[in-house]
Protein backbone atom coordinates (compact mmCIF):
# COMPACT_ATOMS: atom_id res chain seq x y z
CA MET A 1 -0.23 -0.19 0.18
CA ASP A 2 2.44 2.44 0.79
CA LEU A 3 4.60 1.28 -2.18
CA GLU A 4 1.81 2.06 -4.47
CA TYR A 5 1.57 5.29 -2.74
CA LEU A 6 4.28 6.49 -3.50
CA ILE A 7 4.28 5.23 -6.40
CA LEU A 8 1.24 7.18 -7.26
CA ASN A 9 1.99 10.20 -6.02
CA SER A 10 5.50 10.62 -7.55
CA SER A 11 5.43 13.93 -8.92
CA LYS A 12 4.11 16.05 -6.38
CA ILE A 13 7.12 14.82 -4.60
CA LEU A 14 9.35 15.63 -7.44
CA ALA A 15 7.67 18.96 -6.97
CA LEU A 16 7.92 19.13 -3.17
CA ILE A 17 11.55 18.69 -3.85
CA GLY A 18 11.74 21.29 -7.10
CA GLY A 19 9.41 23.91 -4.74
CA ILE A 20 11.84 22.75 -1.23
CA ALA A 21 15.48 22.90 -3.05
CA PHE A 22 14.37 26.83 -4.22
CA ILE A 23 13.42 27.69 -1.14
CA VAL A 24 16.79 26.75 0.22
CA THR A 25 18.69 28.33 -2.53
CA ILE A 26 16.93 31.83 -1.95
CA ILE A 27 17.73 31.99 1.93
CA ILE A 28 21.35 30.61 1.58
CA GLU A 29 20.90 33.43 -1.23
CA VAL A 30 19.90 35.77 1.41
CA ILE A 31 22.43 34.62 4.53
CA LYS A 32 25.18 33.74 2.75
CA GLY A 33 27.08 37.28 2.87
CA THR A 34 26.55 37.46 6.38
CA LYS A 35 29.76 38.46 8.62
CA LEU A 36 28.61 35.14 10.56
CA LEU A 37 28.44 32.87 7.99
CA GLU A 38 31.65 34.85 6.04
CA ARG A 39 34.31 31.63 7.04
CA VAL A 40 31.52 28.87 7.31
CA PRO A 41 31.64 26.52 4.03
CA THR A 42 28.50 26.99 1.81
CA GLN A 43 27.78 23.54 1.07
CA LEU A 44 27.95 23.53 4.91
CA VAL A 45 25.28 25.89 5.64
CA VAL A 46 23.37 24.59 3.20
CA ILE A 47 23.28 21.22 4.43
CA ILE A 48 22.42 22.74 7.57
CA VAL A 49 19.08 24.85 6.40
CA SER A 50 18.40 21.76 4.49
CA ILE A 51 17.79 20.15 6.97
CA LEU A 52 15.31 22.47 9.67
CA VAL A 53 14.23 24.03 6.61
CA CYS A 54 12.65 19.74 6.00
CA VAL A 55 12.14 19.36 9.43
CA ILE A 56 10.50 22.49 10.41
CA GLY A 57 8.35 21.72 6.94
CA TYR A 58 7.50 18.16 8.21
CA VAL A 59 6.58 19.18 11.88
CA ALA A 60 4.90 22.09 10.89
CA TYR A 61 2.62 20.21 8.00
CA ALA A 62 2.15 17.16 10.93
CA SER A 63 0.40 20.17 13.10
CA TYR A 64 -1.58 21.74 10.57
CA ALA A 65 -3.01 18.65 9.02
CA GLY A 66 -3.56 17.14 12.39
CA MET A 67 -1.04 14.07 11.83
CA PRO A 68 0.64 12.53 14.99
CA ILE A 69 4.26 14.04 14.31
CA THR A 70 6.44 10.51 14.51
CA TRP A 71 9.82 9.35 14.68
CA TYR A 72 10.51 7.66 11.56
CA TYR A 73 8.87 10.61 9.59
CA ILE A 74 11.26 13.47 11.09
CA PHE A 75 13.81 10.14 9.72
CA ALA A 76 12.58 10.89 6.79
CA ALA A 77 12.83 14.41 6.68
CA PHE A 78 16.03 14.77 7.77
CA VAL A 79 16.74 11.60 5.04
CA SER A 80 15.24 13.68 1.48
CA SER A 81 17.06 16.90 2.81
CA PHE A 82 20.27 15.51 1.99
CA VAL A 83 18.61 15.38 -1.33
CA VAL A 84 17.05 18.76 -1.35
CA SER A 85 20.71 19.68 -0.61
CA TYR A 86 22.15 18.09 -3.30
CA VAL A 87 19.85 19.61 -5.53
CA SER A 88 20.28 23.17 -4.39
CA MET A 89 24.29 22.74 -4.38
CA TYR A 90 24.16 21.24 -7.89
CA GLY A 91 20.76 21.73 -9.39
CA PHE A 92 18.43 19.91 -11.27
CA ASP A 93 21.03 19.27 -14.77
CA THR A 94 23.26 17.01 -12.36
CA LEU A 95 20.88 15.12 -10.36
CA ASN A 96 18.76 14.32 -14.28
CA GLU A 97 22.35 13.31 -15.69
CA LEU A 98 22.90 11.46 -12.26
CA TYR A 99 18.96 9.55 -12.68
CA GLN A 100 19.15 9.12 -16.36
CA ARG A 101 22.62 7.05 -15.72
CA PHE A 102 21.88 4.75 -13.49
CA LYS A 103 18.24 3.84 -15.14
CA LYS A 104 19.81 1.98 -17.35
């Protein structure tokens, strides 16, 4: 049942990942020039911001939808934040190239 749900909603999931990556990219562009983050590598900041946005976004959505907040969904948001940070750092072209290479 869960795999069916995942397959049926794969386009929504990809759009959600793209939207969150866009939000993370905008946040990074705004904060990367600050004095506090000047010496921190940008890729590390992208990963941290991505984790924060994904986990806080899940908790906010679960609270809004009245869903129980469970540890495995928080873990799934944490893991998916690395996909979001990858897309934010390297762009959609690299992700598409990687997908095409492993699709065969």
